[in-house]
Amino acid sequence: MGALLKPLCSLGYGAGARLRKASAAAFAAVALSVPAWAEPVTIAALGDSLTQGYGLPQEDGFVPQLEAWLRERGHDVVVLNAGVSGDTTAGGLSRIDWTLTPEVDALIVALGGNDLLRAIPPEASRANLDGILAKAEAAGVDVLLIGLEAPGNYGPDYKAAFDSMYPELAEEYGTLYSRSFLAGLVDGVDRTEALTGMMQSDGIHPNAAGVLKIVDTLGPYAEDLVERAEAAEGS
């Protein structure tokens, strides 16, 4: 170390000081040219029992499986479980302010199933979802809105109003949109086949294998959400 310091000392105070300043300036330039380590993208998943992982070990629920799916594809993400069993769109609206904490970069909204079970008028559900999306927009948070399709037993008018509120709101707010949370289970197969081996005994909630199929379908939409959040963070 002494041998390394001697050349600096032999230059005299002024020259040594100039060299030290030049070295410091060079170091600063290099440091500024290297981007700071990016924080993980934090996604809050606002939903009901399907999001919460009802009836499953924690690691088998939608949120942990989605986080693992994204990480396996190289995304540095944290997915927060903001799912509450039995929640409606009204419940989601009542929780959105404290869900959108400062670290949240993106939001998944998957609500409406319990509105269907309670036959809540679609205009009320739509107003609640509108309120959630407006809060996210005000917070500068990117959103993936996941829809759900109403059964036909409430009549064609109810079904048309319920089914259309998701894509219409997604277009209005410029959010990402996926047609149905359950698309991975039911698309391309009959209902009986879809339920076989994919559902818990209640016939309502997916088991771990069912959640995996759901995540495989919704994962690319979530990946787009992460990329949007990353782009917004870098701009």
C-alpha atoms as a PDB file:
ATOM      1  CA  MET A   1       0.000   0.000   0.000  1.00  0.00           C
ATOM      2  CA  GLY A   2       2.871   2.416   0.879  1.00  0.00           C
ATOM      3  CA  ALA A   3       4.397   1.847  -2.562  1.00  0.00           C
ATOM      4  CA  LEU A   4       1.076   2.786  -4.161  1.00  0.00           C
ATOM      5  CA  LEU A   5       0.840   6.038  -2.181  1.00  0.00           C
ATOM      6  CA  LYS A   6       4.433   7.262  -2.845  1.00  0.00           C
ATOM      7  CA  PRO A   7       3.837   8.485  -6.401  1.00  0.00           C
ATOM      8  CA  LEU A   8       0.977  10.673  -5.186  1.00  0.00           C
ATOM      9  CA  CYS A   9       3.072  12.096  -2.358  1.00  0.00           C
ATOM     10  CA  SER A  10       6.006  12.852  -4.644  1.00  0.00           C
ATOM     11  CA  LEU A  11       3.825  15.020  -6.850  1.00  0.00           C
ATOM     12  CA  GLY A  12       3.537  17.628  -4.138  1.00  0.00           C
ATOM     13  CA  TYR A  13       0.395  19.001  -2.565  1.00  0.00           C
ATOM     14  CA  GLY A  14      -1.027  20.857  -5.558  1.00  0.00           C
ATOM     15  CA  ALA A  15      -0.460  18.174  -8.137  1.00  0.00           C
ATOM     16  CA  GLY A  16      -1.614  15.454  -5.755  1.00  0.00           C
ATOM     17  CA  ALA A  17      -4.761  17.401  -4.974  1.00  0.00           C
ATOM     18  CA  ARG A  18      -5.495  17.877  -8.673  1.00  0.00           C
ATOM     19  CA  LEU A  19      -5.032  14.175  -9.297  1.00  0.00           C
ATOM     20  CA  ARG A  20      -7.255  13.271  -6.387  1.00  0.00           C
ATOM     21  CA  LYS A  21      -9.944  15.634  -7.693  1.00  0.00           C
ATOM     22  CA  ALA A  22      -9.680  14.137 -11.159  1.00  0.00           C
ATOM     23  CA  SER A  23      -9.949  10.641  -9.742  1.00  0.00           C
ATOM     24  CA  ALA A  24     -13.001  11.618  -7.693  1.00  0.00           C
ATOM     25  CA  ALA A  25     -14.635  13.174 -10.743  1.00  0.00           C
ATOM     26  CA  ALA A  26     -13.969  10.051 -12.785  1.00  0.00           C
ATOM     27  CA  PHE A  27     -15.431   7.871 -10.040  1.00  0.00           C
ATOM     28  CA  ALA A  28     -18.529  10.062  -9.849  1.00  0.00           C
ATOM     29  CA  ALA A  29     -19.016   9.858 -13.621  1.00  0.00           C
ATOM     30  CA  VAL A  30     -18.800   6.077 -13.530  1.00  0.00           C
ATOM     31  CA  ALA A  31     -21.178   5.894 -10.574  1.00  0.00           C
ATOM     32  CA  LEU A  32     -23.719   8.083 -12.355  1.00  0.00           C
ATOM     33  CA  SER A  33     -23.521   5.932 -15.463  1.00  0.00           C
ATOM     34  CA  VAL A  34     -24.549   2.794 -13.543  1.00  0.00           C
ATOM     35  CA  PRO A  35     -28.312   2.595 -12.898  1.00  0.00           C
ATOM     36  CA  ALA A  36     -29.416   2.233  -9.297  1.00  0.00           C
ATOM     37  CA  TRP A  37     -30.707  -1.168  -8.294  1.00  0.00           C
ATOM     38  CA  ALA A  38     -34.423  -1.254  -9.173  1.00  0.00           C
ATOM     39  CA  GLU A  39     -36.932  -2.054  -6.487  1.00  0.00           C
ATOM     40  CA  PRO A  40     -39.238  -5.045  -7.056  1.00  0.00           C
ATOM     41  CA  VAL A  41     -42.552  -4.279  -8.729  1.00  0.00           C
ATOM     42  CA  THR A  42     -45.196  -4.597  -6.031  1.00  0.00           C
ATOM     43  CA  ILE A  43     -48.623  -5.760  -7.182  1.00  0.00           C
ATOM     44  CA  ALA A  44     -51.674  -5.725  -4.922  1.00  0.00           C
ATOM     45  CA  ALA A  45     -54.274  -8.360  -5.868  1.00  0.00           C
ATOM     46  CA  LEU A  46     -57.667  -7.004  -4.798  1.00  0.00           C
ATOM     47  CA  GLY A  47     -60.313  -9.696  -4.846  1.00  0.00           C
ATOM     48  CA  ASP A  48     -62.486 -12.212  -3.043  1.00  0.00           C
ATOM     49  CA  SER A  49     -61.997 -15.848  -2.010  1.00  0.00           C
ATOM     50  CA  LEU A  50     -60.628 -16.774  -5.449  1.00  0.00           C
ATOM     51  CA  THR A  51     -57.800 -14.300  -4.917  1.00  0.00           C
ATOM     52  CA  GLN A  52     -57.460 -15.009  -1.197  1.00  0.00           C
ATOM     53  CA  GLY A  53     -56.918 -18.747  -1.767  1.00  0.00           C
ATOM     54  CA  TYR A  54     -59.890 -20.118   0.143  1.00  0.00           C
ATOM     55  CA  GLY A  55     -59.499 -23.714   1.332  1.00  0.00           C
ATOM     56  CA  LEU A  56     -55.886 -24.063   0.203  1.00  0.00           C
ATOM     57  CA  PRO A  57     -52.512 -24.145   1.929  1.00  0.00           C
ATOM     58  CA  GLN A  58     -51.011 -20.690   1.644  1.00  0.00           C
ATOM     59  CA  GLU A  59     -48.424 -21.658  -0.959  1.00  0.00           C
ATOM     60  CA  ASP A  60     -51.090 -23.128  -3.269  1.00  0.00           C
ATOM     61  CA  GLY A  61     -53.253 -20.002  -3.476  1.00  0.00           C
ATOM     62  CA  PHE A  62     -53.567 -17.693  -6.465  1.00  0.00           C
ATOM     63  CA  VAL A  63     -51.242 -14.987  -5.159  1.00  0.00           C
ATOM     64  CA  PRO A  64     -48.226 -17.206  -4.297  1.00  0.00           C
ATOM     65  CA  GLN A  65     -48.616 -19.200  -7.514  1.00  0.00           C
ATOM     66  CA  LEU A  66     -48.843 -16.032  -9.618  1.00  0.00           C
ATOM     67  CA  GLU A  67     -45.791 -14.528  -7.924  1.00  0.00           C
ATOM     68  CA  ALA A  68     -43.843 -17.745  -8.559  1.00  0.00           C
ATOM     69  CA  TRP A  69     -44.984 -17.791 -12.210  1.00  0.00           C
ATOM     70  CA  LEU A  70     -43.745 -14.240 -12.745  1.00  0.00           C
ATOM     71  CA  ARG A  71     -40.458 -14.828 -10.932  1.00  0.00           C
ATOM     72  CA  GLU A  72     -39.775 -17.945 -12.998  1.00  0.00           C
ATOM     73  CA  ARG A  73     -39.931 -15.671 -16.038  1.00  0.00           C
ATOM     74  CA  GLY A  74     -37.344 -13.307 -14.639  1.00  0.00           C
ATOM     75  CA  HIS A  75     -39.557 -10.614 -13.140  1.00  0.00           C
ATOM     76  CA  ASP A  76     -38.580  -9.120  -9.790  1.00  0.00           C
ATOM     77  CA  VAL A  77     -42.032  -8.870  -8.239  1.00  0.00           C
ATOM     78  CA  VAL A  78     -43.883  -9.031  -4.953  1.00  0.00           C
ATOM     79  CA  VAL A  79     -47.590  -9.875  -5.123  1.00  0.00           C
ATOM     80  CA  LEU A  80     -49.623  -8.807  -2.090  1.00  0.00           C
ATOM     81  CA  ASN A  81     -52.727 -10.779  -1.148  1.00  0.00           C
ATOM     82  CA  ALA A  82     -55.579  -8.286  -0.839  1.00  0.00           C
ATOM     83  CA  GLY A  83     -58.255 -10.940  -1.283  1.00  0.00           C
ATOM     84  CA  VAL A  84     -61.057 -11.282   1.271  1.00  0.00           C
ATOM     85  CA  SER A  85     -63.415 -14.256   1.200  1.00  0.00           C
ATOM     86  CA  GLY A  86     -67.002 -13.192   0.614  1.00  0.00           C
ATOM     87  CA  ASP A  87     -66.054  -9.727  -0.559  1.00  0.00           C
ATOM     88  CA  THR A  88     -68.154  -7.829  -3.096  1.00  0.00           C
ATOM     89  CA  THR A  89     -67.265  -4.922  -5.339  1.00  0.00           C
ATOM     90  CA  ALA A  90     -68.585  -2.661  -2.562  1.00  0.00           C
ATOM     91  CA  GLY A  91     -66.172  -4.267  -0.114  1.00  0.00           C
ATOM     92  CA  GLY A  92     -63.327  -3.769  -2.563  1.00  0.00           C
ATOM     93  CA  LEU A  93     -64.200  -0.102  -2.917  1.00  0.00           C
ATOM     94  CA  SER A  94     -64.232   0.299   0.872  1.00  0.00           C
ATOM     95  CA  ARG A  95     -60.728  -1.228   1.070  1.00  0.00           C
ATOM     96  CA  ILE A  96     -59.055   0.405  -1.905  1.00  0.00           C
ATOM     97  CA  ASP A  97     -57.614   3.417  -0.088  1.00  0.00           C
ATOM     98  CA  TRP A  98     -55.603   1.362   2.383  1.00  0.00           C
ATOM     99  CA  THR A  99     -54.753  -1.234  -0.266  1.00  0.00           C
ATOM    100  CA  LEU A 100     -53.011   1.396  -2.386  1.00  0.00           C
ATOM    101  CA  THR A 101     -50.117   1.934  -0.003  1.00  0.00           C
ATOM    102  CA  PRO A 102     -47.091   3.911  -1.277  1.00  0.00           C
ATOM    103  CA  GLU A 103     -45.103   0.805  -2.251  1.00  0.00           C
ATOM    104  CA  VAL A 104     -47.850  -0.539  -4.553  1.00  0.00           C
ATOM    105  CA  ASP A 105     -46.912  -0.121  -8.229  1.00  0.00           C
ATOM    106  CA  ALA A 106     -49.741  -2.070  -9.840  1.00  0.00           C
ATOM    107  CA  LEU A 107     -53.168  -3.457  -9.015  1.00  0.00           C
ATOM    108  CA  ILE A 108     -55.102  -6.563 -10.033  1.00  0.00           C
ATOM    109  CA  VAL A 109     -58.867  -6.194  -9.574  1.00  0.00           C
ATOM    110  CA  ALA A 110     -60.825  -9.462  -9.558  1.00  0.00           C
ATOM    111  CA  LEU A 111     -64.213  -8.813  -7.986  1.00  0.00           C
ATOM    112  CA  GLY A 112     -67.829  -9.514  -8.857  1.00  0.00           C
ATOM    113  CA  GLY A 113     -68.423 -13.187  -8.072  1.00  0.00           C
ATOM    114  CA  ASN A 114     -70.155 -12.458  -4.773  1.00  0.00           C
ATOM    115  CA  ASP A 115     -72.168  -9.687  -6.413  1.00  0.00           C
ATOM    116  CA  LEU A 116     -73.507 -12.407  -8.712  1.00  0.00           C
ATOM    117  CA  LEU A 117     -74.290 -14.759  -5.838  1.00  0.00           C
ATOM    118  CA  ARG A 118     -76.267 -11.973  -4.144  1.00  0.00           C
ATOM    119  CA  ALA A 119     -77.929 -10.822  -7.379  1.00  0.00           C
ATOM    120  CA  ILE A 120     -76.670  -7.278  -6.795  1.00  0.00           C
ATOM    121  CA  PRO A 121     -77.825  -5.024  -9.651  1.00  0.00           C
ATOM    122  CA  PRO A 122     -75.073  -4.678 -12.260  1.00  0.00           C
ATOM    123  CA  GLU A 123     -75.303  -0.880 -12.159  1.00  0.00           C
ATOM    124  CA  ALA A 124     -74.287  -0.968  -8.469  1.00  0.00           C
ATOM    125  CA  SER A 125     -71.379  -3.323  -9.176  1.00  0.00           C
ATOM    126  CA  ARG A 126     -70.304  -1.135 -12.075  1.00  0.00           C
ATOM    127  CA  ALA A 127     -70.324   1.992  -9.915  1.00  0.00           C
ATOM    128  CA  ASN A 128     -68.144   0.249  -7.315  1.00  0.00           C
ATOM    129  CA  LEU A 129     -65.627  -0.947  -9.899  1.00  0.00           C
ATOM    130  CA  ASP A 130     -65.606   2.540 -11.408  1.00  0.00           C
ATOM    131  CA  GLY A 131     -64.736   3.928  -7.980  1.00  0.00           C
ATOM    132  CA  ILE A 132     -61.876   1.437  -7.554  1.00  0.00           C
ATOM    133  CA  LEU A 133     -60.403   2.241 -10.965  1.00  0.00           C
ATOM    134  CA  ALA A 134     -60.734   5.981 -10.358  1.00  0.00           C
ATOM    135  CA  LYS A 135     -58.776   5.623  -7.095  1.00  0.00           C
ATOM    136  CA  ALA A 136     -56.048   3.630  -8.852  1.00  0.00           C
ATOM    137  CA  GLU A 137     -55.834   6.178 -11.652  1.00  0.00           C
ATOM    138  CA  ALA A 138     -55.524   9.022  -9.142  1.00  0.00           C
ATOM    139  CA  ALA A 139     -52.706   7.115  -7.421  1.00  0.00           C
ATOM    140  CA  GLY A 140     -50.885   6.572 -10.728  1.00  0.00           C
ATOM    141  CA  VAL A 141     -51.160   2.783 -10.377  1.00  0.00           C
ATOM    142  CA  ASP A 142     -51.475   0.503 -13.422  1.00  0.00           C
ATOM    143  CA  VAL A 143     -54.381  -1.953 -13.329  1.00  0.00           C
ATOM    144  CA  LEU A 144     -55.296  -5.374 -14.659  1.00  0.00           C
ATOM    145  CA  LEU A 145     -59.084  -5.740 -14.504  1.00  0.00           C
ATOM    146  CA  ILE A 146     -60.243  -9.358 -14.506  1.00  0.00           C
ATOM    147  CA  GLY A 147     -63.838  -9.955 -15.499  1.00  0.00           C
ATOM    148  CA  LEU A 148     -66.388 -12.635 -14.795  1.00  0.00           C
ATOM    149  CA  GLU A 149     -69.338 -13.857 -16.822  1.00  0.00           C
ATOM    150  CA  ALA A 150     -72.833 -14.004 -15.346  1.00  0.00           C
ATOM    151  CA  PRO A 151     -74.907 -17.175 -15.680  1.00  0.00           C
ATOM    152  CA  GLY A 152     -78.108 -16.992 -17.677  1.00  0.00           C
ATOM    153  CA  ASN A 153     -80.497 -17.599 -14.789  1.00  0.00           C
ATOM    154  CA  TYR A 154     -80.818 -13.874 -13.972  1.00  0.00           C
ATOM    155  CA  GLY A 155     -82.113 -13.153 -17.448  1.00  0.00           C
ATOM    156  CA  PRO A 156     -80.511 -11.787 -20.618  1.00  0.00           C
ATOM    157  CA  ASP A 157     -80.630  -8.131 -19.541  1.00  0.00           C
ATOM    158  CA  TYR A 158     -78.804  -8.802 -16.276  1.00  0.00           C
ATOM    159  CA  LYS A 159     -76.203 -10.943 -18.030  1.00  0.00           C
ATOM    160  CA  ALA A 160     -75.594  -8.388 -20.773  1.00  0.00           C
ATOM    161  CA  ALA A 161     -75.190  -5.540 -18.265  1.00  0.00           C
ATOM    162  CA  PHE A 162     -72.929  -7.552 -15.957  1.00  0.00           C
ATOM    163  CA  ASP A 163     -70.703  -9.041 -18.642  1.00  0.00           C
ATOM    164  CA  SER A 164     -70.219  -5.740 -20.458  1.00  0.00           C
ATOM    165  CA  MET A 165     -69.226  -3.623 -17.457  1.00  0.00           C
ATOM    166  CA  TYR A 166     -65.711  -5.076 -17.310  1.00  0.00           C
ATOM    167  CA  PRO A 167     -64.548  -4.443 -20.902  1.00  0.00           C
ATOM    168  CA  GLU A 168     -66.283  -1.066 -20.980  1.00  0.00           C
ATOM    169  CA  LEU A 169     -64.608   0.112 -17.782  1.00  0.00           C
ATOM    170  CA  ALA A 170     -61.256  -1.269 -18.950  1.00  0.00           C
ATOM    171  CA  GLU A 171     -61.555   0.758 -22.150  1.00  0.00           C
ATOM    172  CA  GLU A 172     -62.667   3.867 -20.269  1.00  0.00           C
ATOM    173  CA  TYR A 173     -59.694   3.768 -17.891  1.00  0.00           C
ATOM    174  CA  GLY A 174     -57.145   2.275 -20.287  1.00  0.00           C
ATOM    175  CA  THR A 175     -56.479  -0.729 -18.065  1.00  0.00           C
ATOM    176  CA  LEU A 176     -55.333  -4.171 -19.060  1.00  0.00           C
ATOM    177  CA  TYR A 177     -58.280  -6.570 -19.246  1.00  0.00           C
ATOM    178  CA  SER A 178     -58.838 -10.308 -19.015  1.00  0.00           C
ATOM    179  CA  ARG A 179     -62.289 -11.641 -19.791  1.00  0.00           C
ATOM    180  CA  SER A 180     -62.718 -14.113 -16.935  1.00  0.00           C
ATOM    181  CA  PHE A 181     -60.854 -15.221 -13.834  1.00  0.00           C
ATOM    182  CA  LEU A 182     -62.003 -18.794 -14.566  1.00  0.00           C
ATOM    183  CA  ALA A 183     -61.132 -18.831 -18.261  1.00  0.00           C
ATOM    184  CA  GLY A 184     -58.222 -21.180 -17.677  1.00  0.00           C
ATOM    185  CA  LEU A 185     -60.592 -23.794 -16.301  1.00  0.00           C
ATOM    186  CA  VAL A 186     -63.559 -23.565 -18.640  1.00  0.00           C
ATOM    187  CA  ASP A 187     -62.369 -22.386 -22.047  1.00  0.00           C
ATOM    188  CA  GLY A 188     -62.376 -25.108 -24.666  1.00  0.00           C
ATOM    189  CA  VAL A 189     -63.873 -27.848 -22.456  1.00  0.00           C
ATOM    190  CA  ASP A 190     -67.343 -28.672 -21.197  1.00  0.00           C
ATOM    191  CA  ARG A 191     -68.155 -27.664 -17.624  1.00  0.00           C
ATOM    192  CA  THR A 192     -68.101 -31.224 -16.260  1.00  0.00           C
ATOM    193  CA  GLU A 193     -64.655 -31.830 -17.723  1.00  0.00           C
ATOM    194  CA  ALA A 194     -63.439 -28.485 -16.407  1.00  0.00           C
ATOM    195  CA  LEU A 195     -64.514 -29.299 -12.862  1.00  0.00           C
ATOM    196  CA  THR A 196     -63.069 -32.798 -12.798  1.00  0.00           C
ATOM    197  CA  GLY A 197     -59.942 -32.787 -10.659  1.00  0.00           C
ATOM    198  CA  MET A 198     -59.703 -28.990 -10.675  1.00  0.00           C
ATOM    199  CA  MET A 199     -62.118 -27.985  -7.943  1.00  0.00           C
ATOM    200  CA  GLN A 200     -62.452 -28.369  -4.217  1.00  0.00           C
ATOM    201  CA  SER A 201     -65.353 -30.382  -2.846  1.00  0.00           C
ATOM    202  CA  ASP A 202     -67.595 -27.289  -2.701  1.00  0.00           C
ATOM    203  CA  GLY A 203     -67.578 -27.088  -6.501  1.00  0.00           C
ATOM    204  CA  ILE A 204     -66.944 -23.335  -6.309  1.00  0.00           C
ATOM    205  CA  HIS A 205     -63.279 -22.865  -5.463  1.00  0.00           C
ATOM    206  CA  PRO A 206     -60.372 -24.321  -7.460  1.00  0.00           C
ATOM    207  CA  ASN A 207     -57.890 -26.683  -5.892  1.00  0.00           C
ATOM    208  CA  ALA A 208     -54.133 -26.223  -6.292  1.00  0.00           C
ATOM    209  CA  ALA A 209     -54.153 -27.795  -9.770  1.00  0.00           C
ATOM    210  CA  GLY A 210     -57.050 -25.575 -10.787  1.00  0.00           C
ATOM    211  CA  VAL A 211     -55.252 -22.467  -9.537  1.00  0.00           C
ATOM    212  CA  LEU A 212     -52.208 -23.447 -11.579  1.00  0.00           C
ATOM    213  CA  LYS A 213     -54.337 -23.558 -14.745  1.00  0.00           C
ATOM    214  CA  ILE A 214     -55.846 -20.182 -13.855  1.00  0.00           C
ATOM    215  CA  VAL A 215     -52.378 -18.697 -13.331  1.00  0.00           C
ATOM    216  CA  ASP A 216     -51.114 -20.139 -16.619  1.00  0.00           C
ATOM    217  CA  THR A 217     -53.923 -18.255 -18.384  1.00  0.00           C
ATOM    218  CA  LEU A 218     -53.795 -15.001 -16.397  1.00  0.00           C
ATOM    219  CA  GLY A 219     -50.000 -14.944 -16.070  1.00  0.00           C
ATOM    220  CA  PRO A 220     -49.317 -13.270 -19.440  1.00  0.00           C
ATOM    221  CA  TYR A 221     -51.751 -10.473 -18.551  1.00  0.00           C
ATOM    222  CA  ALA A 222     -49.971 -10.016 -15.217  1.00  0.00           C
ATOM    223  CA  GLU A 223     -46.663  -9.997 -17.081  1.00  0.00           C
ATOM    224  CA  ASP A 224     -47.946  -7.131 -19.240  1.00  0.00           C
ATOM    225  CA  LEU A 225     -48.954  -5.348 -16.029  1.00  0.00           C
ATOM    226  CA  VAL A 226     -45.450  -5.717 -14.609  1.00  0.00           C
ATOM    227  CA  GLU A 227     -43.932  -4.358 -17.807  1.00  0.00           C
ATOM    228  CA  ARG A 228     -46.271  -1.363 -17.711  1.00  0.00           C
ATOM    229  CA  ALA A 229     -45.320  -0.650 -14.110  1.00  0.00           C
ATOM    230  CA  GLU A 230     -41.604  -0.977 -14.939  1.00  0.00           C
ATOM    231  CA  ALA A 231     -41.967   1.413 -17.865  1.00  0.00           C
ATOM    232  CA  ALA A 232     -43.822   3.939 -15.693  1.00  0.00           C
ATOM    233  CA  GLU A 233     -41.130   3.681 -13.020  1.00  0.00           C
ATOM    234  CA  GLY A 234     -38.385   4.265 -15.550  1.00  0.00           C
ATOM    235  CA  SER A 235     -40.035   7.245 -17.227  1.00  0.00           C
END
